[in-house]
All heavy atoms as atom14 arrays in JSON, in Angstrom:
{
  "sequence": "AGVQLVDSLNGLVVMYACGSIFCYFLIIGYMRSLPVELFEAAKIDGAG",
  "atom14_mask": [
    [1, 1, 1, 1, 1, 0, 0, 0, 0, 0, 0, 0, 0, 0],
    [1, 1, 1, 1, 0, 0, 0, 0, 0, 0, 0, 0, 0, 0],
    [1, 1, 1, 1, 1, 1, 1, 0, 0, 0, 0, 0, 0, 0],
    [1, 1, 1, 1, 1, 1, 1, 1, 1, 0, 0, 0, 0, 0],
    [1, 1, 1, 1, 1, 1, 1, 1, 0, 0, 0, 0, 0, 0],
    [1, 1, 1, 1, 1, 1, 1, 0, 0, 0, 0, 0, 0, 0],
    [1, 1, 1, 1, 1, 1, 1, 1, 0, 0, 0, 0, 0, 0],
    [1, 1, 1, 1, 1, 1, 0, 0, 0, 0, 0, 0, 0, 0],
    [1, 1, 1, 1, 1, 1, 1, 1, 0, 0, 0, 0, 0, 0],
    [1, 1, 1, 1, 1, 1, 1, 1, 0, 0, 0, 0, 0, 0],
    [1, 1, 1, 1, 0, 0, 0, 0, 0, 0, 0, 0, 0, 0],
    [1, 1, 1, 1, 1, 1, 1, 1, 0, 0, 0, 0, 0, 0],
    [1, 1, 1, 1, 1, 1, 1, 0, 0, 0, 0, 0, 0, 0],
    [1, 1, 1, 1, 1, 1, 1, 0, 0, 0, 0, 0, 0, 0],
    [1, 1, 1, 1, 1, 1, 1, 1, 0, 0, 0, 0, 0, 0],
    [1, 1, 1, 1, 1, 1, 1, 1, 1, 1, 1, 1, 0, 0],
    [1, 1, 1, 1, 1, 0, 0, 0, 0, 0, 0, 0, 0, 0],
    [1, 1, 1, 1, 1, 1, 0, 0, 0, 0, 0, 0, 0, 0],
    [1, 1, 1, 1, 0, 0, 0, 0, 0, 0, 0, 0, 0, 0],
    [1, 1, 1, 1, 1, 1, 0, 0, 0, 0, 0, 0, 0, 0],
    [1, 1, 1, 1, 1, 1, 1, 1, 0, 0, 0, 0, 0, 0],
    [1, 1, 1, 1, 1, 1, 1, 1, 1, 1, 1, 0, 0, 0],
    [1, 1, 1, 1, 1, 1, 0, 0, 0, 0, 0, 0, 0, 0],
    [1, 1, 1, 1, 1, 1, 1, 1, 1, 1, 1, 1, 0, 0],
    [1, 1, 1, 1, 1, 1, 1, 1, 1, 1, 1, 0, 0, 0],
    [1, 1, 1, 1, 1, 1, 1, 1, 0, 0, 0, 0, 0, 0],
    [1, 1, 1, 1, 1, 1, 1, 1, 0, 0, 0, 0, 0, 0],
    [1, 1, 1, 1, 1, 1, 1, 1, 0, 0, 0, 0, 0, 0],
    [1, 1, 1, 1, 0, 0, 0, 0, 0, 0, 0, 0, 0, 0],
    [1, 1, 1, 1, 1, 1, 1, 1, 1, 1, 1, 1, 0, 0],
    [1, 1, 1, 1, 1, 1, 1, 1, 0, 0, 0, 0, 0, 0],
    [1, 1, 1, 1, 1, 1, 1, 1, 1, 1, 1, 0, 0, 0],
    [1, 1, 1, 1, 1, 1, 0, 0, 0, 0, 0, 0, 0, 0],
    [1, 1, 1, 1, 1, 1, 1, 1, 0, 0, 0, 0, 0, 0],
    [1, 1, 1, 1, 1, 1, 1, 0, 0, 0, 0, 0, 0, 0],
    [1, 1, 1, 1, 1, 1, 1, 0, 0, 0, 0, 0, 0, 0],
    [1, 1, 1, 1, 1, 1, 1, 1, 1, 0, 0, 0, 0, 0],
    [1, 1, 1, 1, 1, 1, 1, 1, 0, 0, 0, 0, 0, 0],
    [1, 1, 1, 1, 1, 1, 1, 1, 1, 1, 1, 0, 0, 0],
    [1, 1, 1, 1, 1, 1, 1, 1, 1, 0, 0, 0, 0, 0],
    [1, 1, 1, 1, 1, 0, 0, 0, 0, 0, 0, 0, 0, 0],
    [1, 1, 1, 1, 1, 0, 0, 0, 0, 0, 0, 0, 0, 0],
    [1, 1, 1, 1, 1, 1, 1, 1, 1, 0, 0, 0, 0, 0],
    [1, 1, 1, 1, 1, 1, 1, 1, 0, 0, 0, 0, 0, 0],
    [1, 1, 1, 1, 1, 1, 1, 1, 0, 0, 0, 0, 0, 0],
    [1, 1, 1, 1, 0, 0, 0, 0, 0, 0, 0, 0, 0, 0],
    [1, 1, 1, 1, 1, 0, 0, 0, 0, 0, 0, 0, 0, 0],
    [1, 1, 1, 1, 0, 0, 0, 0, 0, 0, 0, 0, 0, 0]
  ],
  "atom14_positions": [
    [[-22.52, -24.98, 3.42], [-23.98, -25.11, 3.34], [-24.52, -25.95, 4.5], [-25.61, -25.69, 5.02], [-24.37, -25.74, 2.01], [0.0, 0.0, 0.0], [0.0, 0.0, 0.0], [0.0, 0.0, 0.0], [0.0, 0.0, 0.0], [0.0, 0.0, 0.0], [0.0, 0.0, 0.0], [0.0, 0.0, 0.0], [0.0, 0.0, 0.0], [0.0, 0.0, 0.0]],
    [[-23.76, -26.95, 4.93], [-24.18, -27.8, 6.03], [-24.27, -27.06, 7.34], [-25.06, -27.45, 8.22], [0.0, 0.0, 0.0], [0.0, 0.0, 0.0], [0.0, 0.0, 0.0], [0.0, 0.0, 0.0], [0.0, 0.0, 0.0], [0.0, 0.0, 0.0], [0.0, 0.0, 0.0], [0.0, 0.0, 0.0], [0.0, 0.0, 0.0], [0.0, 0.0, 0.0]],
    [[-23.48, -26.0, 7.52], [-23.53, -25.22, 8.76], [-24.17, -23.85, 8.53], [-24.04, -22.95, 9.36], [-22.11, -25.05, 9.34], [-21.57, -26.37, 9.82], [-21.16, -24.41, 8.33], [0.0, 0.0, 0.0], [0.0, 0.0, 0.0], [0.0, 0.0, 0.0], [0.0, 0.0, 0.0], [0.0, 0.0, 0.0], [0.0, 0.0, 0.0], [0.0, 0.0, 0.0]],
    [[-24.85, -23.7, 7.39], [-25.63, -22.5, 7.06], [-24.76, -21.23, 7.04], [-25.15, -20.19, 7.56], [-26.79, -22.34, 8.03], [-27.79, -23.49, 8.0], [-28.94, -23.3, 8.96], [-28.95, -22.39, 9.77], [-29.95, -24.18, 8.86], [0.0, 0.0, 0.0], [0.0, 0.0, 0.0], [0.0, 0.0, 0.0], [0.0, 0.0, 0.0], [0.0, 0.0, 0.0]],
    [[-23.61, -21.34, 6.43], [-22.73, -20.18, 6.29], [-22.57, -19.72, 4.85], [-21.79, -18.81, 4.58], [-21.35, -20.48, 6.89], [-21.26, -20.48, 8.42], [-19.86, -20.86, 8.87], [-21.66, -19.13, 8.99], [0.0, 0.0, 0.0], [0.0, 0.0, 0.0], [0.0, 0.0, 0.0], [0.0, 0.0, 0.0], [0.0, 0.0, 0.0], [0.0, 0.0, 0.0]],
    [[-23.31, -20.37, 3.92], [-23.32, -19.88, 2.54], [-24.16, -18.61, 2.48], [-25.16, -18.48, 3.19], [-23.87, -20.96, 1.59], [-24.06, -20.39, 0.19], [-22.93, -22.15, 1.53], [0.0, 0.0, 0.0], [0.0, 0.0, 0.0], [0.0, 0.0, 0.0], [0.0, 0.0, 0.0], [0.0, 0.0, 0.0], [0.0, 0.0, 0.0], [0.0, 0.0, 0.0]],
    [[-23.77, -17.68, 1.63], [-24.42, -16.37, 1.52], [-24.36, -15.63, 2.86], [-25.33, -15.05, 3.33], [-25.87, -16.52, 1.06], [-26.45, -15.2, 0.56], [-25.67, -14.32, 0.15], [-27.69, -15.04, 0.6], [0.0, 0.0, 0.0], [0.0, 0.0, 0.0], [0.0, 0.0, 0.0], [0.0, 0.0, 0.0], [0.0, 0.0, 0.0], [0.0, 0.0, 0.0]],
    [[-23.19, -15.66, 3.47], [-22.98, -15.02, 4.76], [-21.58, -14.41, 4.79], [-20.62, -15.02, 4.32], [-23.14, -16.04, 5.9], [-22.62, -15.54, 7.11], [0.0, 0.0, 0.0], [0.0, 0.0, 0.0], [0.0, 0.0, 0.0], [0.0, 0.0, 0.0], [0.0, 0.0, 0.0], [0.0, 0.0, 0.0], [0.0, 0.0, 0.0], [0.0, 0.0, 0.0]],
    [[-21.47, -13.22, 5.35], [-20.16, -12.59, 5.48], [-19.26, -13.39, 6.42], [-18.05, -13.48, 6.2], [-20.31, -11.15, 5.98], [-21.04, -10.18, 5.04], [-21.11, -8.8, 5.67], [-20.37, -10.11, 3.68], [0.0, 0.0, 0.0], [0.0, 0.0, 0.0], [0.0, 0.0, 0.0], [0.0, 0.0, 0.0], [0.0, 0.0, 0.0], [0.0, 0.0, 0.0]],
    [[-19.86, -13.99, 7.44], [-19.07, -14.82, 8.34], [-18.56, -16.07, 7.63], [-17.48, -16.59, 7.96], [-19.9, -15.22, 9.56], [-20.18, -14.03, 10.46], [-19.37, -13.11, 10.58], [-21.35, -14.03, 11.1], [0.0, 0.0, 0.0], [0.0, 0.0, 0.0], [0.0, 0.0, 0.0], [0.0, 0.0, 0.0], [0.0, 0.0, 0.0], [0.0, 0.0, 0.0]],
    [[-19.33, -16.56, 6.66], [-18.86, -17.68, 5.86], [-17.63, -17.3, 5.05], [-16.69, -18.09, 4.91], [0.0, 0.0, 0.0], [0.0, 0.0, 0.0], [0.0, 0.0, 0.0], [0.0, 0.0, 0.0], [0.0, 0.0, 0.0], [0.0, 0.0, 0.0], [0.0, 0.0, 0.0], [0.0, 0.0, 0.0], [0.0, 0.0, 0.0], [0.0, 0.0, 0.0]],
    [[-17.62, -16.06, 4.51], [-16.42, -15.58, 3.8], [-15.23, -15.5, 4.74], [-14.1, -15.85, 4.37], [-16.69, -14.21, 3.19], [-17.53, -14.13, 1.92], [-17.6, -12.69, 1.43], [-16.97, -15.02, 0.83], [0.0, 0.0, 0.0], [0.0, 0.0, 0.0], [0.0, 0.0, 0.0], [0.0, 0.0, 0.0], [0.0, 0.0, 0.0], [0.0, 0.0, 0.0]],
    [[-15.48, -15.06, 5.96], [-14.39, -14.98, 6.95], [-13.8, -16.36, 7.2], [-12.57, -16.53, 7.26], [-14.91, -14.35, 8.26], [-13.87, -14.49, 9.36], [-15.28, -12.9, 8.05], [0.0, 0.0, 0.0], [0.0, 0.0, 0.0], [0.0, 0.0, 0.0], [0.0, 0.0, 0.0], [0.0, 0.0, 0.0], [0.0, 0.0, 0.0], [0.0, 0.0, 0.0]],
    [[-14.66, -17.36, 7.33], [-14.19, -18.73, 7.54], [-13.34, -19.18, 6.35], [-12.29, -19.81, 6.52], [-15.37, -19.68, 7.76], [-14.91, -21.14, 7.76], [-16.09, -19.35, 9.06], [0.0, 0.0, 0.0], [0.0, 0.0, 0.0], [0.0, 0.0, 0.0], [0.0, 0.0, 0.0], [0.0, 0.0, 0.0], [0.0, 0.0, 0.0], [0.0, 0.0, 0.0]],
    [[-13.79, -18.87, 5.14], [-13.05, -19.27, 3.96], [-11.67, -18.6, 3.92], [-10.65, -19.24, 3.65], [-13.83, -18.9, 2.7], [-15.04, -19.77, 2.45], [-14.57, -21.46, 2.08], [-13.51, -21.21, 0.67], [0.0, 0.0, 0.0], [0.0, 0.0, 0.0], [0.0, 0.0, 0.0], [0.0, 0.0, 0.0], [0.0, 0.0, 0.0], [0.0, 0.0, 0.0]],
    [[-11.64, -17.3, 4.19], [-10.37, -16.59, 4.13], [-9.44, -16.98, 5.28], [-8.22, -16.85, 5.16], [-10.61, -15.08, 4.16], [-11.17, -14.55, 2.87], [-12.33, -13.77, 2.85], [-10.55, -14.81, 1.66], [-12.85, -13.29, 1.66], [-11.06, -14.33, 0.46], [-12.22, -13.57, 0.47], [-12.72, -13.1, -0.7], [0.0, 0.0, 0.0], [0.0, 0.0, 0.0]],
    [[-10.0, -17.46, 6.37], [-9.17, -17.92, 7.48], [-8.27, -19.07, 7.07], [-7.24, -19.32, 7.7], [-10.04, -18.32, 8.67], [0.0, 0.0, 0.0], [0.0, 0.0, 0.0], [0.0, 0.0, 0.0], [0.0, 0.0, 0.0], [0.0, 0.0, 0.0], [0.0, 0.0, 0.0], [0.0, 0.0, 0.0], [0.0, 0.0, 0.0], [0.0, 0.0, 0.0]],
    [[-8.65, -19.77, 6.0], [-7.78, -20.84, 5.48], [-6.45, -20.28, 4.97], [-5.48, -21.03, 4.82], [-8.48, -21.58, 4.34], [-10.01, -22.41, 4.85], [0.0, 0.0, 0.0], [0.0, 0.0, 0.0], [0.0, 0.0, 0.0], [0.0, 0.0, 0.0], [0.0, 0.0, 0.0], [0.0, 0.0, 0.0], [0.0, 0.0, 0.0], [0.0, 0.0, 0.0]],
    [[-6.41, -18.98, 4.7], [-5.15, -18.35, 4.31], [-4.12, -18.33, 5.42], [-2.98, -17.87, 5.21], [0.0, 0.0, 0.0], [0.0, 0.0, 0.0], [0.0, 0.0, 0.0], [0.0, 0.0, 0.0], [0.0, 0.0, 0.0], [0.0, 0.0, 0.0], [0.0, 0.0, 0.0], [0.0, 0.0, 0.0], [0.0, 0.0, 0.0], [0.0, 0.0, 0.0]],
    [[-4.49, -18.83, 6.6], [-3.54, -18.93, 7.71], [-2.34, -19.79, 7.33], [-1.26, -19.64, 7.91], [-4.23, -19.53, 8.94], [-5.36, -18.78, 9.3], [0.0, 0.0, 0.0], [0.0, 0.0, 0.0], [0.0, 0.0, 0.0], [0.0, 0.0, 0.0], [0.0, 0.0, 0.0], [0.0, 0.0, 0.0], [0.0, 0.0, 0.0], [0.0, 0.0, 0.0]],
    [[-2.54, -20.71, 6.38], [-1.43, -21.58, 5.97], [-0.29, -20.76, 5.37], [0.88, -20.96, 5.68], [-1.93, -22.64, 4.97], [-3.01, -23.51, 5.62], [-0.79, -23.51, 4.47], [-3.67, -24.47, 4.67], [0.0, 0.0, 0.0], [0.0, 0.0, 0.0], [0.0, 0.0, 0.0], [0.0, 0.0, 0.0], [0.0, 0.0, 0.0], [0.0, 0.0, 0.0]],
    [[-0.64, -19.81, 4.5], [0.37, -18.92, 3.92], [1.06, -18.11, 5.01], [2.29, -17.95, 5.01], [-0.28, -18.0, 2.89], [0.64, -16.98, 2.3], [1.57, -17.32, 1.34], [0.57, -15.65, 2.72], [2.43, -16.37, 0.8], [1.43, -14.7, 2.19], [2.35, -15.05, 1.23], [0.0, 0.0, 0.0], [0.0, 0.0, 0.0], [0.0, 0.0, 0.0]],
    [[0.26, -17.61, 5.96], [0.83, -16.86, 7.08], [1.8, -17.72, 7.88], [2.87, -17.26, 8.29], [-0.29, -16.35, 8.0], [-1.49, -15.28, 7.2], [0.0, 0.0, 0.0], [0.0, 0.0, 0.0], [0.0, 0.0, 0.0], [0.0, 0.0, 0.0], [0.0, 0.0, 0.0], [0.0, 0.0, 0.0], [0.0, 0.0, 0.0], [0.0, 0.0, 0.0]],
    [[1.42, -18.97, 8.1], [2.25, -19.89, 8.87], [3.64, -20.03, 8.25], [4.65, -19.96, 8.96], [1.56, -21.26, 8.96], [2.49, -22.4, 9.27], [2.91, -22.66, 10.57], [2.98, -23.23, 8.25], [3.78, -23.7, 10.86], [3.85, -24.28, 8.53], [4.24, -24.51, 9.83], [5.1, -25.53, 10.11], [0.0, 0.0, 0.0], [0.0, 0.0, 0.0]],
    [[3.73, -20.21, 6.95], [5.02, -20.45, 6.31], [5.93, -19.22, 6.39], [7.14, -19.35, 6.6], [4.83, -20.89, 4.87], [4.47, -22.33, 4.72], [3.18, -22.72, 4.45], [5.43, -23.31, 4.9], [2.84, -24.05, 4.34], [5.11, -24.65, 4.79], [3.81, -25.02, 4.5], [0.0, 0.0, 0.0], [0.0, 0.0, 0.0], [0.0, 0.0, 0.0]],
    [[5.36, -18.03, 6.22], [6.19, -16.83, 6.33], [6.61, -16.57, 7.77], [7.76, -16.19, 8.05], [5.44, -15.62, 5.78], [5.28, -15.55, 4.26], [4.6, -14.25, 3.86], [6.61, -15.67, 3.55], [0.0, 0.0, 0.0], [0.0, 0.0, 0.0], [0.0, 0.0, 0.0], [0.0, 0.0, 0.0], [0.0, 0.0, 0.0], [0.0, 0.0, 0.0]],
    [[5.68, -16.79, 8.7], [5.97, -16.5, 10.1], [6.99, -17.47, 10.68], [7.91, -17.07, 11.39], [4.66, -16.5, 10.93], [3.76, -15.33, 10.5], [4.98, -16.39, 12.42], [2.38, -15.38, 11.1], [0.0, 0.0, 0.0], [0.0, 0.0, 0.0], [0.0, 0.0, 0.0], [0.0, 0.0, 0.0], [0.0, 0.0, 0.0], [0.0, 0.0, 0.0]],
    [[6.84, -18.75, 10.37], [7.78, -19.73, 10.95], [9.18, -19.53, 10.39], [10.18, -19.75, 11.09], [7.28, -21.18, 10.72], [8.03, -22.13, 11.66], [7.48, -21.61, 9.26], [7.47, -23.53, 11.68], [0.0, 0.0, 0.0], [0.0, 0.0, 0.0], [0.0, 0.0, 0.0], [0.0, 0.0, 0.0], [0.0, 0.0, 0.0], [0.0, 0.0, 0.0]],
    [[9.29, -19.08, 9.14], [10.61, -18.78, 8.6], [11.27, -17.63, 9.35], [12.48, -17.64, 9.59], [0.0, 0.0, 0.0], [0.0, 0.0, 0.0], [0.0, 0.0, 0.0], [0.0, 0.0, 0.0], [0.0, 0.0, 0.0], [0.0, 0.0, 0.0], [0.0, 0.0, 0.0], [0.0, 0.0, 0.0], [0.0, 0.0, 0.0], [0.0, 0.0, 0.0]],
    [[10.46, -16.65, 9.73], [10.99, -15.52, 10.51], [11.33, -15.94, 11.93], [12.35, -15.56, 12.49], [9.95, -14.4, 10.52], [10.42, -13.1, 11.14], [11.01, -12.12, 10.36], [10.27, -12.86, 12.5], [11.44, -10.93, 10.92], [10.7, -11.68, 13.07], [11.28, -10.71, 12.28], [11.71, -9.54, 12.84], [0.0, 0.0, 0.0], [0.0, 0.0, 0.0]],
    [[10.46, -16.77, 12.53], [10.66, -17.18, 13.93], [11.9, -18.03, 14.09], [12.53, -18.04, 15.16], [9.42, -17.92, 14.43], [8.21, -17.05, 14.62], [6.8, -17.93, 15.34], [7.38, -18.14, 17.01], [0.0, 0.0, 0.0], [0.0, 0.0, 0.0], [0.0, 0.0, 0.0], [0.0, 0.0, 0.0], [0.0, 0.0, 0.0], [0.0, 0.0, 0.0]],
    [[12.26, -18.78, 13.04], [13.46, -19.61, 13.14], [14.74, -18.78, 13.26], [15.79, -19.3, 13.64], [13.55, -20.53, 11.91], [12.55, -21.68, 11.95], [12.94, -22.78, 10.97], [12.06, -23.93, 11.07], [11.13, -24.26, 10.18], [10.98, -23.52, 9.08], [10.37, -25.32, 10.35], [0.0, 0.0, 0.0], [0.0, 0.0, 0.0], [0.0, 0.0, 0.0]],
    [[14.65, -17.5, 12.9], [15.82, -16.63, 13.03], [15.95, -16.05, 14.43], [16.94, -15.39, 14.73], [15.72, -15.49, 12.01], [14.64, -14.62, 12.33], [0.0, 0.0, 0.0], [0.0, 0.0, 0.0], [0.0, 0.0, 0.0], [0.0, 0.0, 0.0], [0.0, 0.0, 0.0], [0.0, 0.0, 0.0], [0.0, 0.0, 0.0], [0.0, 0.0, 0.0]],
    [[14.96, -16.28, 15.28], [15.0, -15.75, 16.64], [15.75, -16.71, 17.56], [15.73, -17.92, 17.37], [13.57, -15.54, 17.17], [12.66, -14.6, 16.37], [11.27, -14.58, 16.97], [13.24, -13.2, 16.33], [0.0, 0.0, 0.0], [0.0, 0.0, 0.0], [0.0, 0.0, 0.0], [0.0, 0.0, 0.0], [0.0, 0.0, 0.0], [0.0, 0.0, 0.0]],
    [[16.41, -16.19, 18.58], [17.1, -17.06, 19.53], [16.11, -17.85, 20.38], [15.28, -17.28, 21.08], [17.92, -16.09, 20.39], [17.24, -14.77, 20.23], [16.65, -14.76, 18.85], [0.0, 0.0, 0.0], [0.0, 0.0, 0.0], [0.0, 0.0, 0.0], [0.0, 0.0, 0.0], [0.0, 0.0, 0.0], [0.0, 0.0, 0.0], [0.0, 0.0, 0.0]],
    [[16.21, -19.18, 20.33], [15.3, -20.04, 21.08], [15.5, -19.86, 22.58], [14.6, -20.13, 23.38], [15.53, -21.52, 20.68], [14.56, -22.44, 21.39], [15.4, -21.68, 19.18], [0.0, 0.0, 0.0], [0.0, 0.0, 0.0], [0.0, 0.0, 0.0], [0.0, 0.0, 0.0], [0.0, 0.0, 0.0], [0.0, 0.0, 0.0], [0.0, 0.0, 0.0]],
    [[16.66, -19.37, 23.0], [16.94, -19.19, 24.42], [15.94, -18.25, 25.09], [15.66, -18.37, 26.29], [18.36, -18.64, 24.61], [19.47, -19.6, 24.26], [19.71, -19.68, 22.75], [19.11, -18.87, 22.02], [20.49, -20.55, 22.32], [0.0, 0.0, 0.0], [0.0, 0.0, 0.0], [0.0, 0.0, 0.0], [0.0, 0.0, 0.0], [0.0, 0.0, 0.0]],
    [[15.38, -17.3, 24.31], [14.39, -16.39, 24.88], [13.15, -17.15, 25.34], [12.61, -16.89, 26.41], [14.0, -15.33, 23.84], [15.09, -14.33, 23.43], [14.59, -13.45, 22.29], [15.48, -13.47, 24.63], [0.0, 0.0, 0.0], [0.0, 0.0, 0.0], [0.0, 0.0, 0.0], [0.0, 0.0, 0.0], [0.0, 0.0, 0.0], [0.0, 0.0, 0.0]],
    [[12.69, -18.09, 24.52], [11.51, -18.87, 24.89], [11.83, -19.8, 26.07], [11.02, -19.96, 26.98], [11.04, -19.7, 23.7], [10.77, -18.88, 22.46], [11.09, -19.36, 21.21], [10.2, -17.62, 22.56], [10.85, -18.61, 20.07], [9.95, -16.86, 21.43], [10.29, -17.35, 20.18], [0.0, 0.0, 0.0], [0.0, 0.0, 0.0], [0.0, 0.0, 0.0]],
    [[13.03, -20.4, 26.04], [13.4, -21.31, 27.12], [13.56, -20.56, 28.44], [13.2, -21.09, 29.51], [14.71, -22.02, 26.75], [14.56, -22.95, 25.55], [15.88, -23.58, 25.14], [16.92, -23.13, 25.68], [15.86, -24.5, 24.31], [0.0, 0.0, 0.0], [0.0, 0.0, 0.0], [0.0, 0.0, 0.0], [0.0, 0.0, 0.0], [0.0, 0.0, 0.0]],
    [[14.08, -19.33, 28.38], [14.23, -18.54, 29.61], [12.87, -18.2, 30.21], [12.7, -18.23, 31.44], [15.01, -17.26, 29.31], [0.0, 0.0, 0.0], [0.0, 0.0, 0.0], [0.0, 0.0, 0.0], [0.0, 0.0, 0.0], [0.0, 0.0, 0.0], [0.0, 0.0, 0.0], [0.0, 0.0, 0.0], [0.0, 0.0, 0.0], [0.0, 0.0, 0.0]],
    [[11.91, -17.89, 29.34], [10.56, -17.59, 29.84], [9.93, -18.82, 30.48], [9.23, -18.73, 31.5], [9.69, -17.09, 28.69], [0.0, 0.0, 0.0], [0.0, 0.0, 0.0], [0.0, 0.0, 0.0], [0.0, 0.0, 0.0], [0.0, 0.0, 0.0], [0.0, 0.0, 0.0], [0.0, 0.0, 0.0], [0.0, 0.0, 0.0], [0.0, 0.0, 0.0]],
    [[10.18, -20.01, 29.91], [9.66, -21.24, 30.5], [10.29, -21.5, 31.87], [9.61, -21.92, 32.81], [9.94, -22.43, 29.56], [9.1, -22.45, 28.3], [9.44, -23.7, 27.49], [8.62, -23.76, 26.21], [8.94, -24.96, 25.41], [0.0, 0.0, 0.0], [0.0, 0.0, 0.0], [0.0, 0.0, 0.0], [0.0, 0.0, 0.0], [0.0, 0.0, 0.0]],
    [[11.59, -21.25, 31.99], [12.27, -21.46, 33.26], [11.71, -20.54, 34.34], [11.59, -20.9, 35.52], [13.79, -21.23, 33.1], [14.38, -22.32, 32.19], [14.49, -21.22, 34.45], [15.84, -22.1, 31.85], [0.0, 0.0, 0.0], [0.0, 0.0, 0.0], [0.0, 0.0, 0.0], [0.0, 0.0, 0.0], [0.0, 0.0, 0.0], [0.0, 0.0, 0.0]],
    [[11.3, -19.33, 33.91], [10.71, -18.38, 34.86], [9.28, -18.75, 35.25], [8.66, -18.03, 36.04], [10.72, -16.97, 34.26], [12.13, -16.41, 34.16], [13.01, -16.92, 34.9], [12.35, -15.48, 33.36], [0.0, 0.0, 0.0], [0.0, 0.0, 0.0], [0.0, 0.0, 0.0], [0.0, 0.0, 0.0], [0.0, 0.0, 0.0], [0.0, 0.0, 0.0]],
    [[8.77, -19.82, 34.66], [7.45, -20.3, 35.05], [6.33, -19.92, 34.11], [5.15, -20.18, 34.41], [0.0, 0.0, 0.0], [0.0, 0.0, 0.0], [0.0, 0.0, 0.0], [0.0, 0.0, 0.0], [0.0, 0.0, 0.0], [0.0, 0.0, 0.0], [0.0, 0.0, 0.0], [0.0, 0.0, 0.0], [0.0, 0.0, 0.0], [0.0, 0.0, 0.0]],
    [[6.63, -19.33, 32.98], [5.59, -18.94, 32.03], [5.08, -20.16, 31.27], [5.87, -21.02, 30.86], [6.13, -17.89, 31.05], [0.0, 0.0, 0.0], [0.0, 0.0, 0.0], [0.0, 0.0, 0.0], [0.0, 0.0, 0.0], [0.0, 0.0, 0.0], [0.0, 0.0, 0.0], [0.0, 0.0, 0.0], [0.0, 0.0, 0.0], [0.0, 0.0, 0.0]],
    [[3.77, -20.21, 31.08], [3.19, -21.28, 30.29], [3.37, -21.03, 28.81], [3.87, -19.98, 28.39], [0.0, 0.0, 0.0], [0.0, 0.0, 0.0], [0.0, 0.0, 0.0], [0.0, 0.0, 0.0], [0.0, 0.0, 0.0], [0.0, 0.0, 0.0], [0.0, 0.0, 0.0], [0.0, 0.0, 0.0], [0.0, 0.0, 0.0], [0.0, 0.0, 0.0]]
  ]
}
C-alpha cells in the first residue's frame, strides 16, 4: 500500500516473486551436483 501496488497485477507479481526462496533451495541442491571446475575454468578464461 505504501508503494501503491495494492489492487494491481504488478503488486501480485511482486508478491509471487517471493517464491524465489523455494526456487533457490531446489536450484542450489541441483547446482551442488555440478563440477565446480567448469565455473573456475570460465573464470580463468577471463569471464566475469
